[in-house]
Amino acid sequence: MALEIRPYRESDLEGMRAIWNAIVEAGNAFPQVYPLSAEEAAKFLALR
């Protein structure tokens, strides 16, 4: 598997949100209970 490290792009946000929400919904890694909406993810995950 190749790994590319590059600066964050806004187009990455939906994939990041999907990964985050899958972990939250599994319930065994974060104390967060509810998945992030697109708006919440933009604020929480975006590096601006």
PDB file of N, CA and C in Angstrom:
ATOM      1  N   MET A   1       0.839  -1.166   0.000  1.00  0.00           N
ATOM      2  CA  MET A   1       0.000   0.000   0.000  1.00  0.00           C
ATOM      3  C   MET A   1       0.892   1.239   0.000  1.00  0.00           C
ATOM      4  N   ALA A   2       0.605   2.146  -0.907  1.00  0.00           N
ATOM      5  CA  ALA A   2       1.346   3.405  -0.966  1.00  0.00           C
ATOM      6  C   ALA A   2       0.649   4.438  -0.089  1.00  0.00           C
ATOM      7  N   LEU A   3       1.424   5.265   0.522  1.00  0.00           N
ATOM      8  CA  LEU A   3       0.898   6.310   1.395  1.00  0.00           C
ATOM      9  C   LEU A   3       1.436   7.648   0.921  1.00  0.00           C
ATOM     10  N   GLU A   4       0.541   8.573   0.681  1.00  0.00           N
ATOM     11  CA  GLU A   4       0.932   9.916   0.257  1.00  0.00           C
ATOM     12  C   GLU A   4       0.595  10.889   1.377  1.00  0.00           C
ATOM     13  N   ILE A   5       1.576  11.623   1.825  1.00  0.00           N
ATOM     14  CA  ILE A   5       1.349  12.653   2.838  1.00  0.00           C
ATOM     15  C   ILE A   5       1.352  13.989   2.122  1.00  0.00           C
ATOM     16  N   ARG A   6       0.248  14.694   2.230  1.00  0.00           N
ATOM     17  CA  ARG A   6       0.096  15.964   1.548  1.00  0.00           C
ATOM     18  C   ARG A   6      -0.771  16.878   2.392  1.00  0.00           C
ATOM     19  N   PRO A   7      -0.828  18.143   2.059  1.00  0.00           N
ATOM     20  CA  PRO A   7      -1.687  19.065   2.808  1.00  0.00           C
ATOM     21  C   PRO A   7      -3.167  18.675   2.675  1.00  0.00           C
ATOM     22  N   TYR A   8      -3.913  19.003   3.701  1.00  0.00           N
ATOM     23  CA  TYR A   8      -5.362  18.796   3.728  1.00  0.00           C
ATOM     24  C   TYR A   8      -6.026  19.539   2.582  1.00  0.00           C
ATOM     25  N   ARG A   9      -6.996  18.897   1.968  1.00  0.00           N
ATOM     26  CA  ARG A   9      -7.822  19.529   0.934  1.00  0.00           C
ATOM     27  C   ARG A   9      -9.270  19.464   1.397  1.00  0.00           C
ATOM     28  N   GLU A  10     -10.028  20.461   1.070  1.00  0.00           N
ATOM     29  CA  GLU A  10     -11.437  20.469   1.476  1.00  0.00           C
ATOM     30  C   GLU A  10     -12.167  19.239   0.928  1.00  0.00           C
ATOM     31  N   SER A  11     -11.738  18.737  -0.212  1.00  0.00           N
ATOM     32  CA  SER A  11     -12.371  17.543  -0.788  1.00  0.00           C
ATOM     33  C   SER A  11     -12.130  16.291   0.064  1.00  0.00           C
ATOM     34  N   ASP A  12     -11.207  16.347   1.019  1.00  0.00           N
ATOM     35  CA  ASP A  12     -10.934  15.224   1.923  1.00  0.00           C
ATOM     36  C   ASP A  12     -11.988  15.109   3.026  1.00  0.00           C
ATOM     37  N   LEU A  13     -12.731  16.158   3.254  1.00  0.00           N
ATOM     38  CA  LEU A  13     -13.596  16.253   4.431  1.00  0.00           C
ATOM     39  C   LEU A  13     -14.614  15.123   4.517  1.00  0.00           C
ATOM     40  N   GLU A  14     -15.286  14.788   3.439  1.00  0.00           N
ATOM     41  CA  GLU A  14     -16.319  13.754   3.513  1.00  0.00           C
ATOM     42  C   GLU A  14     -15.715  12.398   3.871  1.00  0.00           C
ATOM     43  N   GLY A  15     -14.571  12.067   3.330  1.00  0.00           N
ATOM     44  CA  GLY A  15     -13.910  10.811   3.687  1.00  0.00           C
ATOM     45  C   GLY A  15     -13.470  10.797   5.136  1.00  0.00           C
ATOM     46  N   MET A  16     -12.955  11.935   5.612  1.00  0.00           N
ATOM     47  CA  MET A  16     -12.546  12.041   7.009  1.00  0.00           C
ATOM     48  C   MET A  16     -13.748  11.874   7.930  1.00  0.00           C
ATOM     49  N   ARG A  17     -14.858  12.483   7.554  1.00  0.00           N
ATOM     50  CA  ARG A  17     -16.078  12.391   8.353  1.00  0.00           C
ATOM     51  C   ARG A  17     -16.587  10.952   8.382  1.00  0.00           C
ATOM     52  N   ALA A  18     -16.530  10.253   7.259  1.00  0.00           N
ATOM     53  CA  ALA A  18     -16.984   8.864   7.202  1.00  0.00           C
ATOM     54  C   ALA A  18     -16.155   7.976   8.131  1.00  0.00           C
ATOM     55  N   ILE A  19     -14.840   8.160   8.116  1.00  0.00           N
ATOM     56  CA  ILE A  19     -13.967   7.380   9.001  1.00  0.00           C
ATOM     57  C   ILE A  19     -14.267   7.698  10.458  1.00  0.00           C
ATOM     58  N   TRP A  20     -14.351   8.993  10.779  1.00  0.00           N
ATOM     59  CA  TRP A  20     -14.635   9.424  12.153  1.00  0.00           C
ATOM     60  C   TRP A  20     -15.955   8.826  12.640  1.00  0.00           C
ATOM     61  N   ASN A  21     -17.001   8.960  11.816  1.00  0.00           N
ATOM     62  CA  ASN A  21     -18.320   8.487  12.230  1.00  0.00           C
ATOM     63  C   ASN A  21     -18.357   6.973  12.386  1.00  0.00           C
ATOM     64  N   ALA A  22     -17.641   6.224  11.555  1.00  0.00           N
ATOM     65  CA  ALA A  22     -17.599   4.767  11.699  1.00  0.00           C
ATOM     66  C   ALA A  22     -16.985   4.381  13.043  1.00  0.00           C
ATOM     67  N   ILE A  23     -15.948   5.090  13.447  1.00  0.00           N
ATOM     68  CA  ILE A  23     -15.308   4.819  14.737  1.00  0.00           C
ATOM     69  C   ILE A  23     -16.244   5.177  15.880  1.00  0.00           C
ATOM     70  N   VAL A  24     -16.899   6.335  15.784  1.00  0.00           N
ATOM     71  CA  VAL A  24     -17.849   6.758  16.828  1.00  0.00           C
ATOM     72  C   VAL A  24     -18.992   5.752  16.933  1.00  0.00           C
ATOM     73  N   GLU A  25     -19.533   5.339  15.804  1.00  0.00           N
ATOM     74  CA  GLU A  25     -20.676   4.429  15.818  1.00  0.00           C
ATOM     75  C   GLU A  25     -20.297   3.045  16.340  1.00  0.00           C
ATOM     76  N   ALA A  26     -19.031   2.637  16.192  1.00  0.00           N
ATOM     77  CA  ALA A  26     -18.579   1.359  16.747  1.00  0.00           C
ATOM     78  C   ALA A  26     -18.600   1.399  18.279  1.00  0.00           C
ATOM     79  N   GLY A  27     -18.434   2.606  18.835  1.00  0.00           N
ATOM     80  CA  GLY A  27     -18.591   2.796  20.264  1.00  0.00           C
ATOM     81  C   GLY A  27     -17.461   2.316  21.150  1.00  0.00           C
ATOM     82  N   ASN A  28     -16.278   2.090  20.596  1.00  0.00           N
ATOM     83  CA  ASN A  28     -15.221   1.582  21.454  1.00  0.00           C
ATOM     84  C   ASN A  28     -13.922   2.388  21.387  1.00  0.00           C
ATOM     85  N   ALA A  29     -13.974   3.615  20.891  1.00  0.00           N
ATOM     86  CA  ALA A  29     -12.742   4.390  20.803  1.00  0.00           C
ATOM     87  C   ALA A  29     -12.877   5.812  21.357  1.00  0.00           C
ATOM     88  N   PHE A  30     -14.006   6.438  21.138  1.00  0.00           N
ATOM     89  CA  PHE A  30     -14.206   7.815  21.575  1.00  0.00           C
ATOM     90  C   PHE A  30     -15.431   7.889  22.477  1.00  0.00           C
ATOM     91  N   PRO A  31     -15.451   8.831  23.403  1.00  0.00           N
ATOM     92  CA  PRO A  31     -16.639   8.981  24.238  1.00  0.00           C
ATOM     93  C   PRO A  31     -17.804   9.644  23.501  1.00  0.00           C
ATOM     94  N   GLN A  32     -17.534  10.183  22.317  1.00  0.00           N
ATOM     95  CA  GLN A  32     -18.596  10.837  21.533  1.00  0.00           C
ATOM     96  C   GLN A  32     -19.652   9.798  21.179  1.00  0.00           C
ATOM     97  N   VAL A  33     -20.931  10.179  21.245  1.00  0.00           N
ATOM     98  CA  VAL A  33     -22.030   9.251  21.007  1.00  0.00           C
ATOM     99  C   VAL A  33     -22.621   9.424  19.611  1.00  0.00           C
ATOM    100  N   TYR A  34     -22.739  10.660  19.163  1.00  0.00           N
ATOM    101  CA  TYR A  34     -23.425  10.934  17.907  1.00  0.00           C
ATOM    102  C   TYR A  34     -22.431  11.225  16.792  1.00  0.00           C
ATOM    103  N   PRO A  35     -22.734  10.751  15.570  1.00  0.00           N
ATOM    104  CA  PRO A  35     -21.869  11.054  14.435  1.00  0.00           C
ATOM    105  C   PRO A  35     -21.907  12.547  14.102  1.00  0.00           C
ATOM    106  N   LEU A  36     -20.885  13.004  13.406  1.00  0.00           N
ATOM    107  CA  LEU A  36     -20.810  14.405  13.003  1.00  0.00           C
ATOM    108  C   LEU A  36     -21.621  14.642  11.740  1.00  0.00           C
ATOM    109  N   SER A  37     -22.360  15.741  11.703  1.00  0.00           N
ATOM    110  CA  SER A  37     -23.002  16.167  10.468  1.00  0.00           C
ATOM    111  C   SER A  37     -21.927  16.788   9.580  1.00  0.00           C
ATOM    112  N   ALA A  38     -22.253  17.051   8.336  1.00  0.00           N
ATOM    113  CA  ALA A  38     -21.288  17.681   7.423  1.00  0.00           C
ATOM    114  C   ALA A  38     -20.824  19.027   7.976  1.00  0.00           C
ATOM    115  N   GLU A  39     -21.741  19.806   8.538  1.00  0.00           N
ATOM    116  CA  GLU A  39     -21.393  21.121   9.082  1.00  0.00           C
ATOM    117  C   GLU A  39     -20.497  20.997  10.312  1.00  0.00           C
ATOM    118  N   GLU A  40     -20.828  20.062  11.194  1.00  0.00           N
ATOM    119  CA  GLU A  40     -20.007  19.844  12.385  1.00  0.00           C
ATOM    120  C   GLU A  40     -18.616  19.352  12.009  1.00  0.00           C
ATOM    121  N   ALA A  41     -18.554  18.450  11.032  1.00  0.00           N
ATOM    122  CA  ALA A  41     -17.259  17.920  10.592  1.00  0.00           C
ATOM    123  C   ALA A  41     -16.390  19.026  10.010  1.00  0.00           C
ATOM    124  N   ALA A  42     -17.004  19.924   9.248  1.00  0.00           N
ATOM    125  CA  ALA A  42     -16.232  21.021   8.660  1.00  0.00           C
ATOM    126  C   ALA A  42     -15.581  21.864   9.740  1.00  0.00           C
ATOM    127  N   LYS A  43     -16.257  22.077  10.831  1.00  0.00           N
ATOM    128  CA  LYS A  43     -15.701  22.865  11.938  1.00  0.00           C
ATOM    129  C   LYS A  43     -14.691  22.049  12.748  1.00  0.00           C
ATOM    130  N   PHE A  44     -15.015  20.791  13.008  1.00  0.00           N
ATOM    131  CA  PHE A  44     -14.196  19.960  13.903  1.00  0.00           C
ATOM    132  C   PHE A  44     -12.944  19.419  13.247  1.00  0.00           C
ATOM    133  N   LEU A  45     -13.021  19.015  11.992  1.00  0.00           N
ATOM    134  CA  LEU A  45     -11.917  18.330  11.326  1.00  0.00           C
ATOM    135  C   LEU A  45     -11.068  19.228  10.424  1.00  0.00           C
ATOM    136  N   ALA A  46     -11.624  20.327   9.992  1.00  0.00           N
ATOM    137  CA  ALA A  46     -10.887  21.189   9.046  1.00  0.00           C
ATOM    138  C   ALA A  46      -9.709  21.867   9.723  1.00  0.00           C
ATOM    139  N   LEU A  47      -8.620  21.894   9.024  1.00  0.00           N
ATOM    140  CA  LEU A  47      -7.413  22.521   9.539  1.00  0.00           C
ATOM    141  C   LEU A  47      -7.277  23.894   8.895  1.00  0.00           C
ATOM    142  N   ARG A  48      -7.909  24.861   9.500  1.00  0.00           N
ATOM    143  CA  ARG A  48      -7.873  26.218   8.940  1.00  0.00           C
ATOM    144  C   ARG A  48      -7.385  27.180   9.982  1.00  0.00           C
TER     145      ARG A  48
END
